[in-house]
PDB file of N, CA and C in Angstrom:
ATOM      1  N   MET A   1       0.795  -1.190   0.020  1.00  0.00           N
ATOM      2  CA  MET A   1       0.091  -0.002   0.042  1.00  0.00           C
ATOM      3  C   MET A   1       0.962   1.238  -0.108  1.00  0.00           C
ATOM      4  N   THR A   2       0.389   2.234  -0.645  1.00  0.00           N
ATOM      5  CA  THR A   2       1.169   3.666  -0.850  1.00  0.00           C
ATOM      6  C   THR A   2       0.937   4.429   0.573  1.00  0.00           C
ATOM      7  N   ASP A   3       1.959   5.182   1.036  1.00  0.00           N
ATOM      8  CA  ASP A   3       1.960   5.800   2.179  1.00  0.00           C
ATOM      9  C   ASP A   3       1.374   7.409   1.849  1.00  0.00           C
ATOM     10  N   ILE A   4       0.651   7.765   2.680  1.00  0.00           N
ATOM     11  CA  ILE A   4       0.156   9.113   2.648  1.00  0.00           C
ATOM     12  C   ILE A   4       1.103  10.242   2.469  1.00  0.00           C
ATOM     13  N   GLY A   5       1.254  10.994   1.363  1.00  0.00           N
ATOM     14  CA  GLY A   5       2.240  11.961   1.162  1.00  0.00           C
ATOM     15  C   GLY A   5       3.005  11.610  -0.083  1.00  0.00           C
ATOM     16  N   SER A   6       2.806  10.262  -0.522  1.00  0.00           N
ATOM     17  CA  SER A   6       3.491   9.643  -1.604  1.00  0.00           C
ATOM     18  C   SER A   6       2.888  10.283  -3.129  1.00  0.00           C
ATOM     19  N   ALA A   7       3.961  10.500  -3.864  1.00  0.00           N
ATOM     20  CA  ALA A   7       3.582  10.880  -5.108  1.00  0.00           C
ATOM     21  C   ALA A   7       2.484   9.847  -5.866  1.00  0.00           C
ATOM     22  N   ILE A   8       1.619  10.330  -6.645  1.00  0.00           N
ATOM     23  CA  ILE A   8       0.963   9.217  -7.485  1.00  0.00           C
ATOM     24  C   ILE A   8       0.702   9.673  -8.788  1.00  0.00           C
ATOM     25  N   ASP A   9       1.008   8.699  -9.530  1.00  0.00           N
ATOM     26  CA  ASP A   9       1.031   8.745 -11.137  1.00  0.00           C
ATOM     27  C   ASP A   9       0.317   7.603 -11.544  1.00  0.00           C
ATOM     28  N   GLU A  10      -0.973   7.789 -11.933  1.00  0.00           N
ATOM     29  CA  GLU A  10      -1.806   6.481 -12.272  1.00  0.00           C
ATOM     30  C   GLU A  10      -2.739   6.960 -13.507  1.00  0.00           C
ATOM     31  N   THR A  11      -3.116   5.826 -14.107  1.00  0.00           N
ATOM     32  CA  THR A  11      -4.052   5.806 -15.172  1.00  0.00           C
ATOM     33  C   THR A  11      -5.517   5.113 -15.043  1.00  0.00           C
ATOM     34  N   GLY A  12      -6.504   5.523 -15.606  1.00  0.00           N
ATOM     35  CA  GLY A  12      -7.557   4.725 -15.426  1.00  0.00           C
ATOM     36  C   GLY A  12      -8.648   5.635 -16.015  1.00  0.00           C
ATOM     37  N   MET A  13     -10.098   5.234 -15.775  1.00  0.00           N
ATOM     38  CA  MET A  13     -11.094   5.920 -16.303  1.00  0.00           C
ATOM     39  C   MET A  13     -11.699   6.954 -15.219  1.00  0.00           C
ATOM     40  N   LEU A  14     -11.926   8.212 -15.721  1.00  0.00           N
ATOM     41  CA  LEU A  14     -12.210   9.296 -14.898  1.00  0.00           C
ATOM     42  C   LEU A  14     -13.803   9.287 -14.946  1.00  0.00           C
ATOM     43  N   VAL A  15     -14.562   9.048 -13.724  1.00  0.00           N
ATOM     44  CA  VAL A  15     -15.959   9.141 -13.813  1.00  0.00           C
ATOM     45  C   VAL A  15     -16.289  10.057 -12.694  1.00  0.00           C
ATOM     46  N   ARG A  16     -17.764  10.658 -12.961  1.00  0.00           N
ATOM     47  CA  ARG A  16     -18.410  11.445 -11.864  1.00  0.00           C
ATOM     48  C   ARG A  16     -19.279  10.610 -10.981  1.00  0.00           C
ATOM     49  N   ASP A  17     -19.018  10.904  -9.641  1.00  0.00           N
ATOM     50  CA  ASP A  17     -19.682   9.940  -8.772  1.00  0.00           C
ATOM     51  C   ASP A  17     -20.384  11.069  -7.803  1.00  0.00           C
ATOM     52  N   GLY A  18     -21.888  11.294  -8.165  1.00  0.00           N
ATOM     53  CA  GLY A  18     -22.458  12.387  -7.547  1.00  0.00           C
ATOM     54  C   GLY A  18     -21.752  13.785  -7.699  1.00  0.00           C
ATOM     55  N   GLY A  19     -21.352  14.434  -6.729  1.00  0.00           N
ATOM     56  CA  GLY A  19     -20.751  15.642  -6.889  1.00  0.00           C
ATOM     57  C   GLY A  19     -19.101  15.518  -6.857  1.00  0.00           C
ATOM     58  N   ALA A  20     -18.555  14.362  -6.859  1.00  0.00           N
ATOM     59  CA  ALA A  20     -17.226  14.045  -6.841  1.00  0.00           C
ATOM     60  C   ALA A  20     -16.708  13.333  -8.039  1.00  0.00           C
ATOM     61  N   PHE A  21     -15.489  13.287  -8.233  1.00  0.00           N
ATOM     62  CA  PHE A  21     -14.773  12.806  -9.221  1.00  0.00           C
ATOM     63  C   PHE A  21     -13.984  11.702  -8.845  1.00  0.00           C
ATOM     64  N   VAL A  22     -14.100  10.409  -9.607  1.00  0.00           N
ATOM     65  CA  VAL A  22     -13.336   9.202  -9.091  1.00  0.00           C
ATOM     66  C   VAL A  22     -12.397   8.600 -10.304  1.00  0.00           C
ATOM     67  N   LEU A  23     -11.226   8.204  -9.850  1.00  0.00           N
ATOM     68  CA  LEU A  23     -10.503   7.505 -11.126  1.00  0.00           C
ATOM     69  C   LEU A  23     -10.626   5.956 -10.697  1.00  0.00           C
ATOM     70  N   HIS A  24     -11.252   5.250 -11.683  1.00  0.00           N
ATOM     71  CA  HIS A  24     -11.258   3.650 -11.600  1.00  0.00           C
ATOM     72  C   HIS A  24      -9.864   3.569 -12.217  1.00  0.00           C
ATOM     73  N   ARG A  25      -8.877   2.991 -11.237  1.00  0.00           N
ATOM     74  CA  ARG A  25      -7.479   2.721 -11.660  1.00  0.00           C
ATOM     75  C   ARG A  25      -7.432   1.635 -12.900  1.00  0.00           C
ATOM     76  N   ASP A  26      -6.541   1.503 -13.653  1.00  0.00           N
ATOM     77  CA  ASP A  26      -6.246   0.398 -14.503  1.00  0.00           C
ATOM     78  C   ASP A  26      -5.666  -0.712 -13.689  1.00  0.00           C
ATOM     79  N   ALA A  27      -4.977  -0.334 -12.551  1.00  0.00           N
ATOM     80  CA  ALA A  27      -4.414  -1.434 -11.612  1.00  0.00           C
ATOM     81  C   ALA A  27      -5.400  -1.917 -10.867  1.00  0.00           C
ATOM     82  N   GLY A  28      -6.551  -1.527 -10.803  1.00  0.00           N
ATOM     83  CA  GLY A  28      -7.613  -2.007  -9.842  1.00  0.00           C
ATOM     84  C   GLY A  28      -7.749  -0.956  -8.709  1.00  0.00           C
ATOM     85  N   GLY A  29      -9.033  -1.078  -8.184  1.00  0.00           N
ATOM     86  CA  GLY A  29      -9.316  -0.049  -7.279  1.00  0.00           C
ATOM     87  C   GLY A  29      -9.729   1.310  -7.724  1.00  0.00           C
ATOM     88  N   ARG A  30      -9.871   2.210  -6.770  1.00  0.00           N
ATOM     89  CA  ARG A  30     -10.340   3.482  -7.297  1.00  0.00           C
ATOM     90  C   ARG A  30      -9.799   4.663  -6.330  1.00  0.00           C
ATOM     91  N   TYR A  31      -9.512   5.841  -6.855  1.00  0.00           N
ATOM     92  CA  TYR A  31      -9.238   7.034  -6.147  1.00  0.00           C
ATOM     93  C   TYR A  31     -10.289   7.961  -6.023  1.00  0.00           C
ATOM     94  N   LEU A  32     -10.689   8.570  -4.904  1.00  0.00           N
ATOM     95  CA  LEU A  32     -11.403   9.832  -4.869  1.00  0.00           C
ATOM     96  C   LEU A  32     -10.527  10.919  -5.188  1.00  0.00           C
ATOM     97  N   LEU A  33     -10.733  11.753  -6.157  1.00  0.00           N
ATOM     98  CA  LEU A  33     -10.028  12.756  -6.471  1.00  0.00           C
ATOM     99  C   LEU A  33     -10.363  14.220  -5.994  1.00  0.00           C
ATOM    100  N   GLU A  34      -9.351  14.930  -5.588  1.00  0.00           N
ATOM    101  CA  GLU A  34      -9.651  16.358  -5.162  1.00  0.00           C
ATOM    102  C   GLU A  34      -8.943  17.290  -6.135  1.00  0.00           C
ATOM    103  N   LEU A  35      -9.742  17.898  -6.831  1.00  0.00           N
ATOM    104  CA  LEU A  35      -9.302  18.783  -7.961  1.00  0.00           C
ATOM    105  C   LEU A  35      -9.410  20.143  -8.055  1.00  0.00           C
ATOM    106  N   GLN A  36      -8.533  21.041  -8.368  1.00  0.00           N
ATOM    107  CA  GLN A  36      -8.600  22.357  -8.325  1.00  0.00           C
ATOM    108  C   GLN A  36      -9.568  22.878  -9.557  1.00  0.00           C
ATOM    109  N   ARG A  37      -9.610  22.140 -10.683  1.00  0.00           N
ATOM    110  CA  ARG A  37     -10.347  22.344 -11.871  1.00  0.00           C
ATOM    111  C   ARG A  37     -11.213  21.141 -12.162  1.00  0.00           C
ATOM    112  N   VAL A  38     -12.441  21.404 -12.684  1.00  0.00           N
ATOM    113  CA  VAL A  38     -13.331  20.240 -13.134  1.00  0.00           C
ATOM    114  C   VAL A  38     -12.764  19.898 -14.484  1.00  0.00           C
ATOM    115  N   PRO A  39     -12.236  18.641 -14.719  1.00  0.00           N
ATOM    116  CA  PRO A  39     -11.958  18.296 -16.017  1.00  0.00           C
ATOM    117  C   PRO A  39     -13.041  17.886 -16.864  1.00  0.00           C
ATOM    118  N   VAL A  40     -14.056  18.690 -17.369  1.00  0.00           N
ATOM    119  CA  VAL A  40     -15.111  18.230 -18.142  1.00  0.00           C
ATOM    120  C   VAL A  40     -14.841  17.458 -19.459  1.00  0.00           C
ATOM    121  N   ASP A  41     -13.763  17.827 -19.881  1.00  0.00           N
ATOM    122  CA  ASP A  41     -13.245  17.270 -21.326  1.00  0.00           C
ATOM    123  C   ASP A  41     -12.825  15.815 -21.099  1.00  0.00           C
ATOM    124  N   HIS A  42     -12.560  15.361 -19.807  1.00  0.00           N
ATOM    125  CA  HIS A  42     -12.024  14.190 -19.633  1.00  0.00           C
ATOM    126  C   HIS A  42     -12.965  13.047 -18.967  1.00  0.00           C
ATOM    127  N   VAL A  43     -14.177  13.514 -18.675  1.00  0.00           N
ATOM    128  CA  VAL A  43     -14.975  12.672 -17.914  1.00  0.00           C
ATOM    129  C   VAL A  43     -15.453  11.585 -18.901  1.00  0.00           C
ATOM    130  N   GLN A  44     -15.580  10.388 -18.204  1.00  0.00           N
ATOM    131  CA  GLN A  44     -15.769   9.146 -18.978  1.00  0.00           C
ATOM    132  C   GLN A  44     -14.808   8.746 -19.953  1.00  0.00           C
ATOM    133  N   LYS A  45     -13.557   9.210 -19.848  1.00  0.00           N
ATOM    134  CA  LYS A  45     -12.401   8.902 -20.736  1.00  0.00           C
ATOM    135  C   LYS A  45     -11.180   8.342 -19.898  1.00  0.00           C
ATOM    136  N   ARG A  46     -10.337   7.580 -20.712  1.00  0.00           N
ATOM    137  CA  ARG A  46      -9.268   7.219 -19.991  1.00  0.00           C
ATOM    138  C   ARG A  46      -8.273   8.285 -19.743  1.00  0.00           C
ATOM    139  N   VAL A  47      -7.587   8.385 -18.458  1.00  0.00           N
ATOM    140  CA  VAL A  47      -6.682   9.622 -18.156  1.00  0.00           C
ATOM    141  C   VAL A  47      -5.625   9.211 -17.304  1.00  0.00           C
ATOM    142  N   ARG A  48      -4.488  10.147 -17.237  1.00  0.00           N
ATOM    143  CA  ARG A  48      -3.588   9.990 -16.269  1.00  0.00           C
ATOM    144  C   ARG A  48      -3.634  11.142 -15.392  1.00  0.00           C
ATOM    145  N   ILE A  49      -3.536  10.751 -14.121  1.00  0.00           N
ATOM    146  CA  ILE A  49      -3.604  11.741 -13.047  1.00  0.00           C
ATOM    147  C   ILE A  49      -2.256  11.710 -12.289  1.00  0.00           C
ATOM    148  N   GLN A  50      -1.611  12.940 -11.915  1.00  0.00           N
ATOM    149  CA  GLN A  50      -0.479  12.943 -11.165  1.00  0.00           C
ATOM    150  C   GLN A  50      -1.091  13.960  -9.833  1.00  0.00           C
ATOM    151  N   GLY A  51      -0.683  13.471  -8.730  1.00  0.00           N
ATOM    152  CA  GLY A  51      -0.774  14.017  -7.424  1.00  0.00           C
ATOM    153  C   GLY A  51      -0.151  13.616  -6.196  1.00  0.00           C
ATOM    154  N   VAL A  52      -0.801  13.742  -5.188  1.00  0.00           N
ATOM    155  CA  VAL A  52      -0.142  13.159  -3.642  1.00  0.00           C
ATOM    156  C   VAL A  52      -1.366  12.510  -2.990  1.00  0.00           C
ATOM    157  N   LEU A  53      -1.000  11.376  -2.475  1.00  0.00           N
ATOM    158  CA  LEU A  53      -1.924  10.748  -1.816  1.00  0.00           C
ATOM    159  C   LEU A  53      -2.085  11.433  -0.341  1.00  0.00           C
ATOM    160  N   ASN A  54      -3.352  11.713  -0.141  1.00  0.00           N
ATOM    161  CA  ASN A  54      -3.595  12.554   1.254  1.00  0.00           C
ATOM    162  C   ASN A  54      -4.444  11.920   2.102  1.00  0.00           C
ATOM    163  N   GLY A  55      -4.920  10.763   1.843  1.00  0.00           N
ATOM    164  CA  GLY A  55      -5.730   9.786   2.638  1.00  0.00           C
ATOM    165  C   GLY A  55      -5.941   8.678   2.125  1.00  0.00           C
ATOM    166  N   GLU A  56      -6.697   7.782   2.715  1.00  0.00           N
ATOM    167  CA  GLU A  56      -6.941   6.284   2.057  1.00  0.00           C
ATOM    168  C   GLU A  56      -7.719   6.653   0.958  1.00  0.00           C
ATOM    169  N   ALA A  57      -7.177   6.123  -0.112  1.00  0.00           N
ATOM    170  CA  ALA A  57      -7.763   6.143  -1.711  1.00  0.00           C
ATOM    171  C   ALA A  57      -8.113   7.662  -1.902  1.00  0.00           C
ATOM    172  N   ARG A  58      -7.509   8.605  -1.257  1.00  0.00           N
ATOM    173  CA  ARG A  58      -7.827  10.025  -1.768  1.00  0.00           C
ATOM    174  C   ARG A  58      -6.776  10.597  -2.387  1.00  0.00           C
ATOM    175  N   VAL A  59      -6.715  11.288  -3.387  1.00  0.00           N
ATOM    176  CA  VAL A  59      -5.627  12.003  -4.048  1.00  0.00           C
ATOM    177  C   VAL A  59      -5.929  13.400  -4.238  1.00  0.00           C
ATOM    178  N   SER A  60      -4.993  14.377  -3.922  1.00  0.00           N
ATOM    179  CA  SER A  60      -5.044  15.667  -4.388  1.00  0.00           C
ATOM    180  C   SER A  60      -4.295  15.814  -5.568  1.00  0.00           C
ATOM    181  N   VAL A  61      -4.974  16.193  -6.612  1.00  0.00           N
ATOM    182  CA  VAL A  61      -4.507  16.085  -8.058  1.00  0.00           C
ATOM    183  C   VAL A  61      -3.861  17.312  -8.490  1.00  0.00           C
ATOM    184  N   ASP A  62      -2.680  17.378  -9.159  1.00  0.00           N
ATOM    185  CA  ASP A  62      -1.891  18.329  -9.475  1.00  0.00           C
ATOM    186  C   ASP A  62      -2.106  18.348 -11.004  1.00  0.00           C
ATOM    187  N   GLY A  63      -2.507  17.347 -11.739  1.00  0.00           N
ATOM    188  CA  GLY A  63      -2.474  17.377 -13.347  1.00  0.00           C
ATOM    189  C   GLY A  63      -3.533  16.125 -13.731  1.00  0.00           C
ATOM    190  N   VAL A  64      -4.298  16.412 -14.765  1.00  0.00           N
ATOM    191  CA  VAL A  64      -5.200  15.533 -15.466  1.00  0.00           C
ATOM    192  C   VAL A  64      -4.654  15.613 -16.986  1.00  0.00           C
ATOM    193  N   SER A  65      -4.511  14.441 -17.626  1.00  0.00           N
ATOM    194  CA  SER A  65      -4.117  14.418 -19.055  1.00  0.00           C
ATOM    195  C   SER A  65      -4.874  13.300 -19.683  1.00  0.00           C
ATOM    196  N   ALA A  66      -5.093  13.337 -20.888  1.00  0.00           N
ATOM    197  CA  ALA A  66      -5.374  12.144 -21.628  1.00  0.00           C
ATOM    198  C   ALA A  66      -4.497  11.014 -21.713  1.00  0.00           C
ATOM    199  N   ALA A  67      -4.857   9.824 -21.406  1.00  0.00           N
ATOM    200  CA  ALA A  67      -3.856   8.620 -21.297  1.00  0.00           C
ATOM    201  C   ALA A  67      -3.822   8.044 -22.821  1.00  0.00           C
TER     202      ALA A  67
END
């Protein structure tokens, strides 16, 4: 398991879950994403996220790009 504060660089499907955004990871599992901007162009698409793990399965995202 990854430690809180660790850098995250993952790919998967970006989905909206109520008022939140979630990454369904290619490696299995999911991350709840804390985003500065809403990545509307990437919803329901495969993306790469980079950020920092700041809780169990919670990532503070620095960047979202197409994968």
